[in-house]
Amino acid sequence: MSKSVRVVPLDGQPTATIEMPERFRLEVVYFMTPGDATGAPELGPGEYWIEPQNVERWLDDGCFSVVSPLDAESVAEIELSEEHERWLEWLKKNQITRVRIVRD
């Protein structure tokens, strides 16, 4: 049986958690907005902030960009998986900007 994590909304409209594959625990960092960005809320362990305008852009583009930690000029565009799209749509629909990842 595959392992999963739950994404718990910390703001937005009241809604149930969403289940994601275990690997999402590592992938969520590709979508988070850095904590030193203007307007960033204070976050606890396992919590992430995702700016709504980024959610819109990723859904419109169907991909997200990853910058190499070794070379800031090396950027790869990665196509959204079905799970990523489902999660981003969940964020958008429920106006969620802050989440916590919980292991089941």
C-alpha atoms as a PDB file:
ATOM      1  CA  MET A   1       0.000   0.000   0.000  1.00  0.00           C
ATOM      2  CA  SER A   2       1.382   3.401  -0.911  1.00  0.00           C
ATOM      3  CA  LYS A   3       2.062   5.868   1.855  1.00  0.00           C
ATOM      4  CA  SER A   4       0.494   9.279   1.849  1.00  0.00           C
ATOM      5  CA  VAL A   5       0.537  12.624   3.608  1.00  0.00           C
ATOM      6  CA  ARG A   6      -2.313  14.946   4.426  1.00  0.00           C
ATOM      7  CA  VAL A   7      -2.220  18.624   3.568  1.00  0.00           C
ATOM      8  CA  VAL A   8      -4.015  20.570   6.291  1.00  0.00           C
ATOM      9  CA  PRO A   9      -5.345  24.059   5.455  1.00  0.00           C
ATOM     10  CA  LEU A  10      -4.336  26.748   7.962  1.00  0.00           C
ATOM     11  CA  ASP A  11      -6.390  29.553   6.420  1.00  0.00           C
ATOM     12  CA  GLY A  12      -8.924  30.149   3.667  1.00  0.00           C
ATOM     13  CA  GLN A  13     -12.417  28.708   3.573  1.00  0.00           C
ATOM     14  CA  PRO A  14     -13.210  25.824   5.923  1.00  0.00           C
ATOM     15  CA  THR A  15     -12.496  22.616   4.039  1.00  0.00           C
ATOM     16  CA  ALA A  16     -11.293  19.069   4.579  1.00  0.00           C
ATOM     17  CA  THR A  17      -7.653  18.092   4.286  1.00  0.00           C
ATOM     18  CA  ILE A  18      -6.383  16.715   0.978  1.00  0.00           C
ATOM     19  CA  GLU A  19      -4.392  13.502   0.689  1.00  0.00           C
ATOM     20  CA  MET A  20      -1.219  13.527  -1.387  1.00  0.00           C
ATOM     21  CA  PRO A  21       1.448  10.893  -2.167  1.00  0.00           C
ATOM     22  CA  GLU A  22       4.286  10.583   0.369  1.00  0.00           C
ATOM     23  CA  ARG A  23       6.737  12.158  -2.119  1.00  0.00           C
ATOM     24  CA  PHE A  24       4.742  15.423  -1.923  1.00  0.00           C
ATOM     25  CA  ARG A  25       6.371  15.999   1.468  1.00  0.00           C
ATOM     26  CA  LEU A  26       9.583  16.680  -0.495  1.00  0.00           C
ATOM     27  CA  GLU A  27       7.935  18.342  -3.519  1.00  0.00           C
ATOM     28  CA  VAL A  28       5.982  21.000  -1.610  1.00  0.00           C
ATOM     29  CA  VAL A  29       9.161  23.092  -1.311  1.00  0.00           C
ATOM     30  CA  TYR A  30       9.011  23.733  -5.075  1.00  0.00           C
ATOM     31  CA  PHE A  31       5.729  25.578  -4.529  1.00  0.00           C
ATOM     32  CA  MET A  32       6.341  27.413  -1.253  1.00  0.00           C
ATOM     33  CA  THR A  33       7.007  31.125  -1.154  1.00  0.00           C
ATOM     34  CA  PRO A  34      10.251  31.912   0.730  1.00  0.00           C
ATOM     35  CA  GLY A  35       9.817  33.038   4.312  1.00  0.00           C
ATOM     36  CA  ASP A  36      11.818  36.210   3.669  1.00  0.00           C
ATOM     37  CA  ALA A  37       9.409  37.417   0.943  1.00  0.00           C
ATOM     38  CA  THR A  38       7.439  40.605   1.575  1.00  0.00           C
ATOM     39  CA  GLY A  39       4.289  39.842   3.551  1.00  0.00           C
ATOM     40  CA  ALA A  40       5.414  36.355   4.554  1.00  0.00           C
ATOM     41  CA  PRO A  41       3.569  35.054   7.616  1.00  0.00           C
ATOM     42  CA  GLU A  42       5.382  33.409  10.488  1.00  0.00           C
ATOM     43  CA  LEU A  43       5.238  29.648  10.007  1.00  0.00           C
ATOM     44  CA  GLY A  44       5.723  26.689  12.290  1.00  0.00           C
ATOM     45  CA  PRO A  45       7.484  23.390  11.572  1.00  0.00           C
ATOM     46  CA  GLY A  46       6.033  21.581   8.563  1.00  0.00           C
ATOM     47  CA  GLU A  47       4.087  24.678   7.467  1.00  0.00           C
ATOM     48  CA  TYR A  48       4.260  26.326   4.051  1.00  0.00           C
ATOM     49  CA  TRP A  49       3.010  29.561   2.513  1.00  0.00           C
ATOM     50  CA  ILE A  50       1.988  29.603  -1.144  1.00  0.00           C
ATOM     51  CA  GLU A  51       1.141  32.945  -2.767  1.00  0.00           C
ATOM     52  CA  PRO A  52      -2.167  32.864  -4.701  1.00  0.00           C
ATOM     53  CA  GLN A  53      -0.713  34.581  -7.792  1.00  0.00           C
ATOM     54  CA  ASN A  54       1.805  31.740  -8.085  1.00  0.00           C
ATOM     55  CA  VAL A  55      -0.995  29.161  -7.882  1.00  0.00           C
ATOM     56  CA  GLU A  56      -2.773  30.927 -10.752  1.00  0.00           C
ATOM     57  CA  ARG A  57       0.403  31.077 -12.842  1.00  0.00           C
ATOM     58  CA  TRP A  58       1.283  27.404 -12.337  1.00  0.00           C
ATOM     59  CA  LEU A  59      -2.236  26.311 -13.249  1.00  0.00           C
ATOM     60  CA  ASP A  60      -2.230  28.556 -16.332  1.00  0.00           C
ATOM     61  CA  ASP A  61       1.256  27.429 -17.427  1.00  0.00           C
ATOM     62  CA  GLY A  62       0.826  23.757 -16.513  1.00  0.00           C
ATOM     63  CA  CYS A  63       4.358  23.720 -15.093  1.00  0.00           C
ATOM     64  CA  PHE A  64       6.635  25.179 -12.442  1.00  0.00           C
ATOM     65  CA  SER A  65      10.291  26.208 -12.527  1.00  0.00           C
ATOM     66  CA  VAL A  66      13.112  24.805 -10.444  1.00  0.00           C
ATOM     67  CA  VAL A  67      16.401  26.681 -10.094  1.00  0.00           C
ATOM     68  CA  SER A  68      19.551  24.618  -9.659  1.00  0.00           C
ATOM     69  CA  PRO A  69      21.139  25.104  -6.227  1.00  0.00           C
ATOM     70  CA  LEU A  70      24.535  24.866  -7.933  1.00  0.00           C
ATOM     71  CA  ASP A  71      23.924  27.345 -10.762  1.00  0.00           C
ATOM     72  CA  ALA A  72      21.268  30.056 -10.441  1.00  0.00           C
ATOM     73  CA  GLU A  73      21.167  30.432 -14.222  1.00  0.00           C
ATOM     74  CA  SER A  74      20.144  26.789 -14.710  1.00  0.00           C
ATOM     75  CA  VAL A  75      16.367  26.658 -14.571  1.00  0.00           C
ATOM     76  CA  ALA A  76      14.254  23.609 -15.417  1.00  0.00           C
ATOM     77  CA  GLU A  77      10.536  23.698 -16.139  1.00  0.00           C
ATOM     78  CA  ILE A  78       8.688  20.698 -14.740  1.00  0.00           C
ATOM     79  CA  GLU A  79       5.214  19.735 -15.917  1.00  0.00           C
ATOM     80  CA  LEU A  80       2.562  19.562 -13.213  1.00  0.00           C
ATOM     81  CA  SER A  81       1.448  16.050 -12.298  1.00  0.00           C
ATOM     82  CA  GLU A  82      -2.241  15.250 -11.867  1.00  0.00           C
ATOM     83  CA  GLU A  83      -1.687  15.325  -8.099  1.00  0.00           C
ATOM     84  CA  HIS A  84      -0.043  18.775  -8.302  1.00  0.00           C
ATOM     85  CA  GLU A  85      -2.964  20.115 -10.350  1.00  0.00           C
ATOM     86  CA  ARG A  86      -5.503  18.634  -7.927  1.00  0.00           C
ATOM     87  CA  TRP A  87      -3.675  20.239  -4.976  1.00  0.00           C
ATOM     88  CA  LEU A  88      -3.322  23.638  -6.693  1.00  0.00           C
ATOM     89  CA  GLU A  89      -7.015  23.600  -7.646  1.00  0.00           C
ATOM     90  CA  TRP A  90      -7.841  22.782  -3.993  1.00  0.00           C
ATOM     91  CA  LEU A  91      -5.746  25.778  -2.849  1.00  0.00           C
ATOM     92  CA  LYS A  92      -7.385  28.077  -5.387  1.00  0.00           C
ATOM     93  CA  LYS A  93     -10.970  26.929  -4.803  1.00  0.00           C
ATOM     94  CA  ASN A  94     -10.665  27.281  -1.028  1.00  0.00           C
ATOM     95  CA  GLN A  95      -8.474  30.435  -1.028  1.00  0.00           C
ATOM     96  CA  ILE A  96      -5.789  28.644   0.989  1.00  0.00           C
ATOM     97  CA  THR A  97      -2.339  30.214   1.281  1.00  0.00           C
ATOM     98  CA  ARG A  98      -0.918  28.394   4.312  1.00  0.00           C
ATOM     99  CA  VAL A  99      -0.736  24.634   4.823  1.00  0.00           C
ATOM    100  CA  ARG A 100       0.794  22.045   7.128  1.00  0.00           C
ATOM    101  CA  ILE A 101       1.986  18.639   5.899  1.00  0.00           C
ATOM    102  CA  VAL A 102       1.053  15.745   8.203  1.00  0.00           C
ATOM    103  CA  ARG A 103       2.209  12.140   7.784  1.00  0.00           C
ATOM    104  CA  ASP A 104      -0.453   9.469   8.103  1.00  0.00           C
END
